[in-house]
Amino acid sequence: MPPRLKRLFGVVLLLVFVFFYIWVMTDVGAVVISRAEGPWRMLYFALAGIAWIVPAGAIIWWMYRPRRTGP
């Protein structure tokens, strides 16, 4: 895959992932917030706010990984 096309695909994939992640975490958060007490709410938001970094980092790493050539 050409590098420019790979990066374009990666950006679209990253945007779709972030949108979907926010949607799911918001719905889950609505349930968690309604049932949890203060410290558990803060823990949920801290984990939900950090957890997206690993998959997003993997997508970015894939986008900028050099293309292999040769055997």
PDB file of N, CA and C in Angstrom:
ATOM      1  N   MET A   1       0.856  -1.171   0.000  1.00  0.00           N
ATOM      2  CA  MET A   1       0.000   0.000   0.000  1.00  0.00           C
ATOM      3  C   MET A   1       0.904   1.236   0.000  1.00  0.00           C
ATOM      4  N   PRO A   2       0.663   2.187  -0.887  1.00  0.00           N
ATOM      5  CA  PRO A   2       1.476   3.411  -0.916  1.00  0.00           C
ATOM      6  C   PRO A   2       1.363   4.175   0.409  1.00  0.00           C
ATOM      7  N   PRO A   3       2.445   4.824   0.828  1.00  0.00           N
ATOM      8  CA  PRO A   3       2.428   5.508   2.137  1.00  0.00           C
ATOM      9  C   PRO A   3       1.323   6.551   2.293  1.00  0.00           C
ATOM     10  N   ARG A   4       1.049   7.316   1.229  1.00  0.00           N
ATOM     11  CA  ARG A   4       0.009   8.343   1.353  1.00  0.00           C
ATOM     12  C   ARG A   4      -1.366   7.717   1.544  1.00  0.00           C
ATOM     13  N   LEU A   5      -1.635   6.640   0.822  1.00  0.00           N
ATOM     14  CA  LEU A   5      -2.914   5.952   0.956  1.00  0.00           C
ATOM     15  C   LEU A   5      -3.030   5.286   2.324  1.00  0.00           C
ATOM     16  N   LYS A   6      -1.928   4.738   2.787  1.00  0.00           N
ATOM     17  CA  LYS A   6      -1.900   4.093   4.098  1.00  0.00           C
ATOM     18  C   LYS A   6      -2.200   5.115   5.201  1.00  0.00           C
ATOM     19  N   ARG A   7      -1.624   6.294   5.091  1.00  0.00           N
ATOM     20  CA  ARG A   7      -1.866   7.329   6.096  1.00  0.00           C
ATOM     21  C   ARG A   7      -3.295   7.852   6.022  1.00  0.00           C
ATOM     22  N   LEU A   8      -3.823   7.997   4.830  1.00  0.00           N
ATOM     23  CA  LEU A   8      -5.219   8.429   4.686  1.00  0.00           C
ATOM     24  C   LEU A   8      -6.160   7.403   5.315  1.00  0.00           C
ATOM     25  N   PHE A   9      -5.929   6.132   5.028  1.00  0.00           N
ATOM     26  CA  PHE A   9      -6.735   5.069   5.616  1.00  0.00           C
ATOM     27  C   PHE A   9      -6.592   5.066   7.133  1.00  0.00           C
ATOM     28  N   GLY A  10      -5.376   5.285   7.619  1.00  0.00           N
ATOM     29  CA  GLY A  10      -5.137   5.324   9.057  1.00  0.00           C
ATOM     30  C   GLY A  10      -5.855   6.465   9.749  1.00  0.00           C
ATOM     31  N   VAL A  11      -5.878   7.633   9.117  1.00  0.00           N
ATOM     32  CA  VAL A  11      -6.575   8.783   9.699  1.00  0.00           C
ATOM     33  C   VAL A  11      -8.078   8.513   9.763  1.00  0.00           C
ATOM     34  N   VAL A  12      -8.629   7.966   8.699  1.00  0.00           N
ATOM     35  CA  VAL A  12     -10.062   7.643   8.695  1.00  0.00           C
ATOM     36  C   VAL A  12     -10.359   6.589   9.766  1.00  0.00           C
ATOM     37  N   LEU A  13      -9.525   5.566   9.843  1.00  0.00           N
ATOM     38  CA  LEU A  13      -9.698   4.525  10.859  1.00  0.00           C
ATOM     39  C   LEU A  13      -9.599   5.099  12.261  1.00  0.00           C
ATOM     40  N   LEU A  14      -8.665   6.004  12.476  1.00  0.00           N
ATOM     41  CA  LEU A  14      -8.499   6.624  13.783  1.00  0.00           C
ATOM     42  C   LEU A  14      -9.712   7.468  14.162  1.00  0.00           C
ATOM     43  N   LEU A  15     -10.239   8.224  13.217  1.00  0.00           N
ATOM     44  CA  LEU A  15     -11.427   9.029  13.497  1.00  0.00           C
ATOM     45  C   LEU A  15     -12.644   8.163  13.805  1.00  0.00           C
ATOM     46  N   VAL A  16     -12.819   7.092  13.043  1.00  0.00           N
ATOM     47  CA  VAL A  16     -13.940   6.175  13.297  1.00  0.00           C
ATOM     48  C   VAL A  16     -13.779   5.517  14.662  1.00  0.00           C
ATOM     49  N   PHE A  17     -12.564   5.098  14.986  1.00  0.00           N
ATOM     50  CA  PHE A  17     -12.320   4.462  16.285  1.00  0.00           C
ATOM     51  C   PHE A  17     -12.626   5.423  17.428  1.00  0.00           C
ATOM     52  N   VAL A  18     -12.126   6.658  17.352  1.00  0.00           N
ATOM     53  CA  VAL A  18     -12.342   7.623  18.435  1.00  0.00           C
ATOM     54  C   VAL A  18     -13.830   7.941  18.584  1.00  0.00           C
ATOM     55  N   PHE A  19     -14.532   8.123  17.478  1.00  0.00           N
ATOM     56  CA  PHE A  19     -15.969   8.381  17.547  1.00  0.00           C
ATOM     57  C   PHE A  19     -16.692   7.215  18.216  1.00  0.00           C
ATOM     58  N   PHE A  20     -16.401   5.986  17.787  1.00  0.00           N
ATOM     59  CA  PHE A  20     -17.047   4.808  18.349  1.00  0.00           C
ATOM     60  C   PHE A  20     -16.685   4.644  19.832  1.00  0.00           C
ATOM     61  N   TYR A  21     -15.427   4.883  20.179  1.00  0.00           N
ATOM     62  CA  TYR A  21     -14.968   4.753  21.561  1.00  0.00           C
ATOM     63  C   TYR A  21     -15.698   5.750  22.463  1.00  0.00           C
ATOM     64  N   ILE A  22     -15.797   6.988  22.010  1.00  0.00           N
ATOM     65  CA  ILE A  22     -16.497   7.997  22.806  1.00  0.00           C
ATOM     66  C   ILE A  22     -17.961   7.621  22.985  1.00  0.00           C
ATOM     67  N   TRP A  23     -18.578   7.131  21.925  1.00  0.00           N
ATOM     68  CA  TRP A  23     -19.990   6.737  21.992  1.00  0.00           C
ATOM     69  C   TRP A  23     -20.199   5.613  23.015  1.00  0.00           C
ATOM     70  N   VAL A  24     -19.369   4.585  22.948  1.00  0.00           N
ATOM     71  CA  VAL A  24     -19.515   3.444  23.859  1.00  0.00           C
ATOM     72  C   VAL A  24     -19.205   3.865  25.301  1.00  0.00           C
ATOM     73  N   MET A  25     -18.115   4.593  25.512  1.00  0.00           N
ATOM     74  CA  MET A  25     -17.738   4.990  26.871  1.00  0.00           C
ATOM     75  C   MET A  25     -18.762   5.947  27.484  1.00  0.00           C
ATOM     76  N   THR A  26     -19.407   6.763  26.664  1.00  0.00           N
ATOM     77  CA  THR A  26     -20.454   7.642  27.175  1.00  0.00           C
ATOM     78  C   THR A  26     -21.658   6.831  27.642  1.00  0.00           C
ATOM     79  N   ASP A  27     -22.053   5.848  26.857  1.00  0.00           N
ATOM     80  CA  ASP A  27     -23.186   5.006  27.259  1.00  0.00           C
ATOM     81  C   ASP A  27     -22.855   4.187  28.501  1.00  0.00           C
ATOM     82  N   VAL A  28     -21.677   3.613  28.534  1.00  0.00           N
ATOM     83  CA  VAL A  28     -21.267   2.846  29.718  1.00  0.00           C
ATOM     84  C   VAL A  28     -21.147   3.785  30.916  1.00  0.00           C
ATOM     85  N   GLY A  29     -20.593   4.968  30.689  1.00  0.00           N
ATOM     86  CA  GLY A  29     -20.447   5.936  31.768  1.00  0.00           C
ATOM     87  C   GLY A  29     -21.771   6.369  32.359  1.00  0.00           C
ATOM     88  N   ALA A  30     -22.804   6.473  31.545  1.00  0.00           N
ATOM     89  CA  ALA A  30     -24.120   6.849  32.061  1.00  0.00           C
ATOM     90  C   ALA A  30     -24.628   5.808  33.048  1.00  0.00           C
ATOM     91  N   VAL A  31     -24.367   4.549  32.768  1.00  0.00           N
ATOM     92  CA  VAL A  31     -24.781   3.480  33.681  1.00  0.00           C
ATOM     93  C   VAL A  31     -23.908   3.486  34.936  1.00  0.00           C
ATOM     94  N   VAL A  32     -22.610   3.651  34.751  1.00  0.00           N
ATOM     95  CA  VAL A  32     -21.676   3.642  35.887  1.00  0.00           C
ATOM     96  C   VAL A  32     -21.949   4.827  36.812  1.00  0.00           C
ATOM     97  N   ILE A  33     -22.148   5.994  36.242  1.00  0.00           N
ATOM     98  CA  ILE A  33     -22.371   7.189  37.057  1.00  0.00           C
ATOM     99  C   ILE A  33     -23.652   7.082  37.870  1.00  0.00           C
ATOM    100  N   SER A  34     -24.671   6.489  37.306  1.00  0.00           N
ATOM    101  CA  SER A  34     -25.936   6.409  38.023  1.00  0.00           C
ATOM    102  C   SER A  34     -25.881   5.448  39.212  1.00  0.00           C
ATOM    103  N   ARG A  35     -24.937   4.542  39.206  1.00  0.00           N
ATOM    104  CA  ARG A  35     -24.874   3.533  40.277  1.00  0.00           C
ATOM    105  C   ARG A  35     -23.661   3.666  41.184  1.00  0.00           C
ATOM    106  N   ALA A  36     -22.647   4.407  40.786  1.00  0.00           N
ATOM    107  CA  ALA A  36     -21.389   4.441  41.530  1.00  0.00           C
ATOM    108  C   ALA A  36     -21.310   5.660  42.447  1.00  0.00           C
ATOM    109  N   GLU A  37     -20.410   5.531  43.410  1.00  0.00           N
ATOM    110  CA  GLU A  37     -20.138   6.650  44.313  1.00  0.00           C
ATOM    111  C   GLU A  37     -18.902   7.393  43.813  1.00  0.00           C
ATOM    112  N   GLY A  38     -18.597   8.502  44.437  1.00  0.00           N
ATOM    113  CA  GLY A  38     -17.557   9.432  44.009  1.00  0.00           C
ATOM    114  C   GLY A  38     -16.241   8.842  43.530  1.00  0.00           C
ATOM    115  N   PRO A  39     -15.520   8.083  44.363  1.00  0.00           N
ATOM    116  CA  PRO A  39     -14.214   7.580  43.927  1.00  0.00           C
ATOM    117  C   PRO A  39     -14.308   6.623  42.728  1.00  0.00           C
ATOM    118  N   TRP A  40     -15.362   5.838  42.663  1.00  0.00           N
ATOM    119  CA  TRP A  40     -15.521   4.906  41.542  1.00  0.00           C
ATOM    120  C   TRP A  40     -15.806   5.650  40.254  1.00  0.00           C
ATOM    121  N   ARG A  41     -16.554   6.740  40.353  1.00  0.00           N
ATOM    122  CA  ARG A  41     -16.804   7.572  39.171  1.00  0.00           C
ATOM    123  C   ARG A  41     -15.500   8.156  38.647  1.00  0.00           C
ATOM    124  N   MET A  42     -14.700   8.675  39.547  1.00  0.00           N
ATOM    125  CA  MET A  42     -13.430   9.273  39.146  1.00  0.00           C
ATOM    126  C   MET A  42     -12.506   8.218  38.537  1.00  0.00           C
ATOM    127  N   LEU A  43     -12.495   7.033  39.096  1.00  0.00           N
ATOM    128  CA  LEU A  43     -11.680   5.955  38.549  1.00  0.00           C
ATOM    129  C   LEU A  43     -12.149   5.571  37.149  1.00  0.00           C
ATOM    130  N   TYR A  44     -13.463   5.505  36.953  1.00  0.00           N
ATOM    131  CA  TYR A  44     -13.993   5.176  35.625  1.00  0.00           C
ATOM    132  C   TYR A  44     -13.551   6.211  34.598  1.00  0.00           C
ATOM    133  N   PHE A  45     -13.723   7.477  34.923  1.00  0.00           N
ATOM    134  CA  PHE A  45     -13.369   8.522  33.968  1.00  0.00           C
ATOM    135  C   PHE A  45     -11.868   8.569  33.711  1.00  0.00           C
ATOM    136  N   ALA A  46     -11.066   8.285  34.724  1.00  0.00           N
ATOM    137  CA  ALA A  46      -9.617   8.249  34.530  1.00  0.00           C
ATOM    138  C   ALA A  46      -9.232   7.107  33.591  1.00  0.00           C
ATOM    139  N   LEU A  47      -9.786   5.925  33.809  1.00  0.00           N
ATOM    140  CA  LEU A  47      -9.467   4.778  32.953  1.00  0.00           C
ATOM    141  C   LEU A  47     -10.022   4.954  31.543  1.00  0.00           C
ATOM    142  N   ALA A  48     -11.242   5.456  31.430  1.00  0.00           N
ATOM    143  CA  ALA A  48     -11.836   5.662  30.112  1.00  0.00           C
ATOM    144  C   ALA A  48     -11.088   6.745  29.345  1.00  0.00           C
ATOM    145  N   GLY A  49     -10.563   7.731  30.060  1.00  0.00           N
ATOM    146  CA  GLY A  49      -9.821   8.793  29.408  1.00  0.00           C
ATOM    147  C   GLY A  49      -8.442   8.388  28.943  1.00  0.00           C
ATOM    148  N   ILE A  50      -7.885   7.343  29.533  1.00  0.00           N
ATOM    149  CA  ILE A  50      -6.538   6.898  29.174  1.00  0.00           C
ATOM    150  C   ILE A  50      -6.552   5.684  28.253  1.00  0.00           C
ATOM    151  N   ALA A  51      -7.576   4.856  28.330  1.00  0.00           N
ATOM    152  CA  ALA A  51      -7.594   3.563  27.630  1.00  0.00           C
ATOM    153  C   ALA A  51      -7.567   3.683  26.108  1.00  0.00           C
ATOM    154  N   TRP A  52      -8.021   4.782  25.547  1.00  0.00           N
ATOM    155  CA  TRP A  52      -8.046   4.927  24.084  1.00  0.00           C
ATOM    156  C   TRP A  52      -6.648   5.119  23.510  1.00  0.00           C
ATOM    157  N   ILE A  53      -5.679   5.459  24.347  1.00  0.00           N
ATOM    158  CA  ILE A  53      -4.335   5.769  23.853  1.00  0.00           C
ATOM    159  C   ILE A  53      -3.651   4.545  23.244  1.00  0.00           C
ATOM    160  N   VAL A  54      -3.833   3.378  23.823  1.00  0.00           N
ATOM    161  CA  VAL A  54      -3.154   2.170  23.325  1.00  0.00           C
ATOM    162  C   VAL A  54      -3.615   1.805  21.907  1.00  0.00           C
ATOM    163  N   PRO A  55      -4.921   1.665  21.637  1.00  0.00           N
ATOM    164  CA  PRO A  55      -5.311   1.348  20.261  1.00  0.00           C
ATOM    165  C   PRO A  55      -5.000   2.476  19.281  1.00  0.00           C
ATOM    166  N   ALA A  56      -5.157   3.718  19.717  1.00  0.00           N
ATOM    167  CA  ALA A  56      -4.834   4.837  18.820  1.00  0.00           C
ATOM    168  C   ALA A  56      -3.339   4.850  18.510  1.00  0.00           C
ATOM    169  N   GLY A  57      -2.522   4.554  19.493  1.00  0.00           N
ATOM    170  CA  GLY A  57      -1.082   4.480  19.269  1.00  0.00           C
ATOM    171  C   GLY A  57      -0.715   3.359  18.310  1.00  0.00           C
ATOM    172  N   ALA A  58      -1.418   2.242  18.395  1.00  0.00           N
ATOM    173  CA  ALA A  58      -1.164   1.133  17.474  1.00  0.00           C
ATOM    174  C   ALA A  58      -1.518   1.521  16.042  1.00  0.00           C
ATOM    175  N   ILE A  59      -2.604   2.259  15.862  1.00  0.00           N
ATOM    176  CA  ILE A  59      -2.994   2.711  14.518  1.00  0.00           C
ATOM    177  C   ILE A  59      -1.956   3.688  13.977  1.00  0.00           C
ATOM    178  N   ILE A  60      -1.516   4.621  14.812  1.00  0.00           N
ATOM    179  CA  ILE A  60      -0.513   5.590  14.377  1.00  0.00           C
ATOM    180  C   ILE A  60       0.803   4.899  14.065  1.00  0.00           C
ATOM    181  N   TRP A  61       1.188   3.925  14.886  1.00  0.00           N
ATOM    182  CA  TRP A  61       2.416   3.176  14.625  1.00  0.00           C
ATOM    183  C   TRP A  61       2.322   2.463  13.267  1.00  0.00           C
ATOM    184  N   TRP A  62       1.181   1.861  12.982  1.00  0.00           N
ATOM    185  CA  TRP A  62       0.995   1.174  11.707  1.00  0.00           C
ATOM    186  C   TRP A  62       1.067   2.155  10.540  1.00  0.00           C
ATOM    187  N   MET A  63       0.502   3.342  10.730  1.00  0.00           N
ATOM    188  CA  MET A  63       0.495   4.344   9.658  1.00  0.00           C
ATOM    189  C   MET A  63       1.909   4.768   9.267  1.00  0.00           C
ATOM    190  N   TYR A  64       2.794   4.906  10.235  1.00  0.00           N
ATOM    191  CA  TYR A  64       4.124   5.441   9.968  1.00  0.00           C
ATOM    192  C   TYR A  64       5.223   4.383   9.947  1.00  0.00           C
ATOM    193  N   ARG A  65       4.836   3.121  10.052  1.00  0.00           N
ATOM    194  CA  ARG A  65       5.821   2.037   9.979  1.00  0.00           C
ATOM    195  C   ARG A  65       6.387   1.981   8.567  1.00  0.00           C
ATOM    196  N   PRO A  66       7.703   1.886   8.436  1.00  0.00           N
ATOM    197  CA  PRO A  66       8.286   1.838   7.081  1.00  0.00           C
ATOM    198  C   PRO A  66       7.844   0.595   6.337  1.00  0.00           C
ATOM    199  N   ARG A  67       7.711   0.768   5.050  1.00  0.00           N
ATOM    200  CA  ARG A  67       7.309  -0.345   4.188  1.00  0.00           C
ATOM    201  C   ARG A  67       8.465  -1.308   4.004  1.00  0.00           C
ATOM    202  N   ARG A  68       8.176  -2.595   4.086  1.00  0.00           N
ATOM    203  CA  ARG A  68       9.222  -3.601   3.907  1.00  0.00           C
ATOM    204  C   ARG A  68       9.461  -3.813   2.413  1.00  0.00           C
ATOM    205  N   THR A  69      10.710  -3.897   2.066  1.00  0.00           N
ATOM    206  CA  THR A  69      11.060  -4.190   0.676  1.00  0.00           C
ATOM    207  C   THR A  69      12.017  -5.365   0.652  1.00  0.00           C
ATOM    208  N   GLY A  70      11.902  -6.148  -0.373  1.00  0.00           N
ATOM    209  CA  GLY A  70      12.792  -7.292  -0.520  1.00  0.00           C
ATOM    210  C   GLY A  70      12.324  -8.503   0.246  1.00  0.00           C
ATOM    211  N   PRO A  71      13.117  -9.567   0.185  1.00  0.00           N
ATOM    212  CA  PRO A  71      12.721 -10.829   0.839  1.00  0.00           C
ATOM    213  C   PRO A  71      12.884 -10.847   2.324  1.00  0.00           C
TER     214      PRO A  71
END
